[in-house]
């Protein structure tokens, strides 16, 4: 259950960063500057926003990969345990047949 919570927190963080970048872009558009300064500022903000979004996306992908790997390991462990139980049941059945 903790893994689900971690993914939600990372997704929330990515959303906040994206929202902040959009808000900063809008604020930059409403400041009084000439065209060249405005284009430079927009370009700078876009680059920063893209970098932060890529960073958050990478974090989310890493977390998802981690959860998938942990799930695969847990599934393999459970499968091994189940196979052992089935084998033990078969042995017990065979011994029961031999004793009868």
N, C-alpha and C. Protein backbone atom coordinates (compact mmCIF):
# COMPACT_ATOMS: atom_id res chain seq x y z
N UNK A 1 0.82 -1.19 0.00
CA UNK A 1 0.00 0.00 0.00
C UNK A 1 0.86 1.25 0.00
N UNK A 2 2.06 1.18 0.59
CA UNK A 2 2.95 2.33 0.65
C UNK A 2 3.41 2.73 -0.75
N UNK A 3 3.58 1.74 -1.65
CA UNK A 3 4.04 2.05 -2.99
C UNK A 3 3.03 2.94 -3.71
N UNK A 4 1.75 2.64 -3.54
CA UNK A 4 0.71 3.44 -4.18
C UNK A 4 0.77 4.88 -3.68
N UNK A 5 1.00 5.06 -2.42
CA UNK A 5 1.10 6.39 -1.82
C UNK A 5 2.29 7.15 -2.39
N UNK A 6 3.41 6.48 -2.56
CA UNK A 6 4.61 7.12 -3.10
C UNK A 6 4.39 7.58 -4.53
N UNK A 7 3.73 6.79 -5.35
CA UNK A 7 3.46 7.19 -6.73
C UNK A 7 2.55 8.41 -6.73
N UNK A 8 1.58 8.43 -5.87
CA UNK A 8 0.66 9.57 -5.81
C UNK A 8 1.39 10.85 -5.41
N UNK A 9 2.32 10.74 -4.46
CA UNK A 9 3.08 11.91 -4.03
C UNK A 9 3.96 12.42 -5.16
N UNK A 10 4.58 11.51 -5.91
CA UNK A 10 5.43 11.91 -7.02
C UNK A 10 4.61 12.56 -8.13
N UNK A 11 3.47 11.98 -8.40
CA UNK A 11 2.58 12.56 -9.42
C UNK A 11 2.12 13.94 -8.99
N UNK A 12 1.79 14.09 -7.72
CA UNK A 12 1.38 15.39 -7.19
C UNK A 12 2.50 16.40 -7.35
N UNK A 13 3.73 15.98 -7.04
CA UNK A 13 4.88 16.88 -7.15
C UNK A 13 5.07 17.32 -8.60
N UNK A 14 4.94 16.38 -9.54
CA UNK A 14 5.09 16.72 -10.96
C UNK A 14 4.01 17.71 -11.38
N UNK A 15 2.80 17.51 -10.89
CA UNK A 15 1.71 18.42 -11.22
C UNK A 15 1.95 19.82 -10.67
N UNK A 16 2.47 19.87 -9.44
CA UNK A 16 2.75 21.18 -8.82
C UNK A 16 3.83 21.91 -9.60
N UNK A 17 4.88 21.18 -9.99
CA UNK A 17 5.97 21.80 -10.75
C UNK A 17 5.45 22.32 -12.10
N UNK A 18 4.64 21.49 -12.76
CA UNK A 18 4.09 21.92 -14.06
C UNK A 18 3.19 23.14 -13.87
N UNK A 19 2.37 23.15 -12.83
CA UNK A 19 1.50 24.29 -12.56
C UNK A 19 2.28 25.55 -12.25
N UNK A 20 3.36 25.38 -11.48
CA UNK A 20 4.21 26.53 -11.14
C UNK A 20 4.86 27.10 -12.40
N UNK A 21 5.29 26.21 -13.28
CA UNK A 21 5.93 26.67 -14.52
C UNK A 21 4.93 27.43 -15.40
N UNK A 22 3.73 26.90 -15.48
CA UNK A 22 2.69 27.59 -16.27
C UNK A 22 2.35 28.94 -15.64
N UNK A 23 2.23 28.97 -14.32
CA UNK A 23 1.94 30.22 -13.62
C UNK A 23 3.05 31.25 -13.82
N UNK A 24 4.30 30.79 -13.77
CA UNK A 24 5.43 31.70 -13.99
C UNK A 24 5.41 32.24 -15.42
N UNK A 25 5.05 31.38 -16.36
CA UNK A 25 4.96 31.82 -17.76
C UNK A 25 3.88 32.87 -17.96
N UNK A 26 2.74 32.66 -17.34
CA UNK A 26 1.65 33.64 -17.44
C UNK A 26 2.05 34.96 -16.78
N UNK A 27 2.70 34.86 -15.62
CA UNK A 27 3.16 36.08 -14.94
C UNK A 27 4.16 36.83 -15.80
N UNK A 28 5.04 36.09 -16.48
CA UNK A 28 6.03 36.74 -17.34
C UNK A 28 5.36 37.46 -18.51
N UNK A 29 4.26 36.90 -18.98
CA UNK A 29 3.56 37.52 -20.10
C UNK A 29 2.91 38.85 -19.71
N UNK A 30 2.56 39.02 -18.45
CA UNK A 30 1.90 40.23 -18.01
C UNK A 30 2.86 41.31 -17.48
N UNK A 31 4.14 41.01 -17.48
CA UNK A 31 5.08 42.04 -17.04
C UNK A 31 5.43 42.94 -18.22
N UNK A 32 5.63 44.23 -17.98
CA UNK A 32 5.94 45.14 -19.08
C UNK A 32 7.40 44.99 -19.54
N UNK A 33 7.59 44.37 -20.69
CA UNK A 33 8.92 44.21 -21.27
C UNK A 33 8.78 44.35 -22.78
N UNK A 34 9.92 44.61 -23.43
CA UNK A 34 9.86 44.68 -24.89
C UNK A 34 9.87 43.25 -25.47
N UNK A 35 9.67 43.14 -26.76
CA UNK A 35 9.53 41.84 -27.42
C UNK A 35 10.72 40.92 -27.24
N UNK A 36 11.93 41.43 -27.41
CA UNK A 36 13.12 40.58 -27.29
C UNK A 36 13.28 40.06 -25.87
N UNK A 37 13.08 40.94 -24.89
CA UNK A 37 13.19 40.52 -23.49
C UNK A 37 12.13 39.46 -23.18
N UNK A 38 10.92 39.69 -23.69
CA UNK A 38 9.82 38.76 -23.43
C UNK A 38 10.11 37.39 -24.03
N UNK A 39 10.57 37.36 -25.28
CA UNK A 39 10.88 36.09 -25.93
C UNK A 39 12.00 35.36 -25.19
N UNK A 40 13.01 36.11 -24.75
CA UNK A 40 14.10 35.48 -24.00
C UNK A 40 13.60 34.90 -22.68
N UNK A 41 12.75 35.66 -22.01
CA UNK A 41 12.21 35.20 -20.72
C UNK A 41 11.33 33.97 -20.92
N UNK A 42 10.48 33.98 -21.94
CA UNK A 42 9.62 32.82 -22.22
C UNK A 42 10.47 31.60 -22.56
N UNK A 43 11.49 31.82 -23.37
CA UNK A 43 12.39 30.71 -23.73
C UNK A 43 13.06 30.14 -22.49
N UNK A 44 13.53 31.00 -21.61
CA UNK A 44 14.18 30.57 -20.37
C UNK A 44 13.22 29.78 -19.48
N UNK A 45 12.02 30.33 -19.30
CA UNK A 45 11.02 29.65 -18.46
C UNK A 45 10.60 28.31 -19.06
N UNK A 46 10.47 28.27 -20.38
CA UNK A 46 10.09 27.01 -21.03
C UNK A 46 11.17 25.96 -20.83
N UNK A 47 12.42 26.36 -20.96
CA UNK A 47 13.52 25.43 -20.76
C UNK A 47 13.55 24.89 -19.34
N UNK A 48 13.36 25.78 -18.38
CA UNK A 48 13.33 25.36 -16.98
C UNK A 48 12.17 24.41 -16.71
N UNK A 49 11.01 24.75 -17.23
CA UNK A 49 9.82 23.92 -17.02
C UNK A 49 10.01 22.54 -17.64
N UNK A 50 10.55 22.51 -18.85
CA UNK A 50 10.78 21.23 -19.52
C UNK A 50 11.76 20.38 -18.72
N UNK A 51 12.81 21.01 -18.22
CA UNK A 51 13.79 20.29 -17.41
C UNK A 51 13.17 19.71 -16.16
N UNK A 52 12.36 20.50 -15.47
CA UNK A 52 11.72 20.02 -14.23
C UNK A 52 10.71 18.91 -14.53
N UNK A 53 9.97 19.07 -15.61
CA UNK A 53 8.98 18.04 -15.98
C UNK A 53 9.69 16.74 -16.35
N UNK A 54 10.80 16.83 -17.08
CA UNK A 54 11.56 15.63 -17.44
C UNK A 54 12.10 14.95 -16.18
N UNK A 55 12.58 15.76 -15.24
CA UNK A 55 13.12 15.22 -13.99
C UNK A 55 12.02 14.49 -13.21
N UNK A 56 10.86 15.10 -13.11
CA UNK A 56 9.74 14.47 -12.39
C UNK A 56 9.27 13.20 -13.11
N UNK A 57 9.23 13.26 -14.43
CA UNK A 57 8.83 12.09 -15.21
C UNK A 57 9.79 10.94 -14.97
N UNK A 58 11.08 11.25 -14.93
CA UNK A 58 12.09 10.22 -14.68
C UNK A 58 11.89 9.61 -13.29
N UNK A 59 11.60 10.45 -12.29
CA UNK A 59 11.36 9.95 -10.94
C UNK A 59 10.15 9.02 -10.91
N UNK A 60 9.08 9.41 -11.60
CA UNK A 60 7.88 8.58 -11.64
C UNK A 60 8.17 7.24 -12.33
N UNK A 61 8.90 7.29 -13.44
CA UNK A 61 9.24 6.05 -14.15
C UNK A 61 10.09 5.13 -13.29
N UNK A 62 11.05 5.70 -12.56
CA UNK A 62 11.90 4.89 -11.69
C UNK A 62 11.08 4.25 -10.58
N UNK A 63 10.15 5.01 -10.01
CA UNK A 63 9.32 4.48 -8.93
C UNK A 63 8.43 3.37 -9.45
N UNK A 64 7.85 3.56 -10.61
CA UNK A 64 6.99 2.53 -11.20
C UNK A 64 7.81 1.28 -11.50
N UNK A 65 9.00 1.44 -12.05
CA UNK A 65 9.86 0.30 -12.32
C UNK A 65 10.20 -0.45 -11.04
N UNK A 66 10.49 0.31 -9.99
CA UNK A 66 10.80 -0.29 -8.70
C UNK A 66 9.63 -1.11 -8.17
N UNK A 67 8.44 -0.56 -8.26
CA UNK A 67 7.24 -1.26 -7.78
C UNK A 67 7.00 -2.52 -8.61
N UNK A 68 7.20 -2.43 -9.91
CA UNK A 68 7.01 -3.59 -10.79
C UNK A 68 8.00 -4.69 -10.42
N UNK A 69 9.26 -4.32 -10.22
CA UNK A 69 10.28 -5.31 -9.86
C UNK A 69 9.98 -5.95 -8.51
N UNK A 70 9.56 -5.15 -7.53
CA UNK A 70 9.20 -5.70 -6.22
C UNK A 70 8.01 -6.65 -6.35
N UNK A 71 7.07 -6.32 -7.20
CA UNK A 71 5.90 -7.18 -7.41
C UNK A 71 6.31 -8.49 -8.07
N UNK A 72 7.21 -8.42 -9.04
CA UNK A 72 7.68 -9.64 -9.70
C UNK A 72 8.39 -10.55 -8.70
N UNK A 73 9.21 -9.97 -7.84
CA UNK A 73 9.93 -10.75 -6.83
C UNK A 73 8.94 -11.40 -5.86
N UNK A 74 7.98 -10.63 -5.40
CA UNK A 74 6.98 -11.16 -4.47
C UNK A 74 6.18 -12.28 -5.13
N UNK A 75 5.83 -12.10 -6.39
CA UNK A 75 5.07 -13.13 -7.11
C UNK A 75 5.90 -14.40 -7.25
N UNK A 76 7.18 -14.27 -7.57
CA UNK A 76 8.05 -15.44 -7.70
C UNK A 76 8.16 -16.17 -6.36
N UNK A 77 8.28 -15.41 -5.26
CA UNK A 77 8.35 -16.02 -3.93
C UNK A 77 7.07 -16.79 -3.62
N UNK A 78 5.92 -16.19 -3.90
CA UNK A 78 4.64 -16.84 -3.63
C UNK A 78 4.47 -18.08 -4.50
N UNK A 79 4.92 -17.99 -5.75
CA UNK A 79 4.82 -19.13 -6.66
C UNK A 79 5.67 -20.29 -6.14
N UNK A 80 6.87 -19.98 -5.68
CA UNK A 80 7.76 -21.01 -5.13
C UNK A 80 7.14 -21.66 -3.90
N UNK A 81 6.57 -20.84 -3.02
CA UNK A 81 5.91 -21.35 -1.81
C UNK A 81 4.73 -22.23 -2.17
N UNK A 82 3.95 -21.82 -3.14
CA UNK A 82 2.79 -22.59 -3.58
C UNK A 82 3.23 -23.93 -4.19
N UNK A 83 4.28 -23.91 -5.00
CA UNK A 83 4.79 -25.15 -5.59
C UNK A 83 5.29 -26.11 -4.51
N UNK A 84 5.94 -25.56 -3.49
CA UNK A 84 6.40 -26.40 -2.38
C UNK A 84 5.22 -27.03 -1.65
N UNK A 85 4.18 -26.26 -1.43
CA UNK A 85 2.99 -26.77 -0.76
C UNK A 85 2.31 -27.85 -1.60
N UNK A 86 2.25 -27.65 -2.90
CA UNK A 86 1.65 -28.66 -3.80
C UNK A 86 2.47 -29.94 -3.76
N UNK A 87 3.79 -29.81 -3.83
CA UNK A 87 4.66 -30.99 -3.76
C UNK A 87 4.49 -31.73 -2.44
N UNK A 88 4.40 -31.00 -1.34
CA UNK A 88 4.21 -31.62 -0.02
C UNK A 88 2.86 -32.34 0.02
N UNK A 89 1.84 -31.73 -0.56
CA UNK A 89 0.52 -32.37 -0.63
C UNK A 89 0.55 -33.64 -1.45
N UNK A 90 1.24 -33.62 -2.56
CA UNK A 90 1.37 -34.81 -3.40
C UNK A 90 2.08 -35.93 -2.64
N UNK A 91 3.15 -35.58 -1.93
CA UNK A 91 3.89 -36.57 -1.14
C UNK A 91 2.99 -37.18 -0.06
N UNK A 92 2.24 -36.33 0.62
CA UNK A 92 1.35 -36.81 1.68
C UNK A 92 0.28 -37.73 1.09
N UNK A 93 -0.24 -37.38 -0.05
CA UNK A 93 -1.25 -38.21 -0.71
C UNK A 93 -0.66 -39.55 -1.10
N UNK A 94 0.55 -39.53 -1.64
CA UNK A 94 1.22 -40.77 -2.05
C UNK A 94 1.47 -41.65 -0.83
N UNK A 95 1.94 -41.08 0.27
CA UNK A 95 2.19 -41.85 1.49
C UNK A 95 0.89 -42.42 2.04
N UNK A 96 -0.19 -41.63 1.94
CA UNK A 96 -1.50 -42.11 2.38
C UNK A 96 -1.96 -43.30 1.55
N UNK A 97 -1.73 -43.24 0.25
CA UNK A 97 -2.11 -44.35 -0.63
C UNK A 97 -1.30 -45.59 -0.32
N UNK A 98 0.01 -45.39 -0.05
CA UNK A 98 0.88 -46.53 0.23
C UNK A 98 0.53 -47.17 1.57
N UNK A 99 0.11 -46.38 2.54
CA UNK A 99 -0.23 -46.88 3.86
C UNK A 99 -1.56 -47.62 3.83
N UNK A 100 -2.42 -47.29 2.90
CA UNK A 100 -3.75 -47.92 2.84
C UNK A 100 -3.72 -49.22 2.15
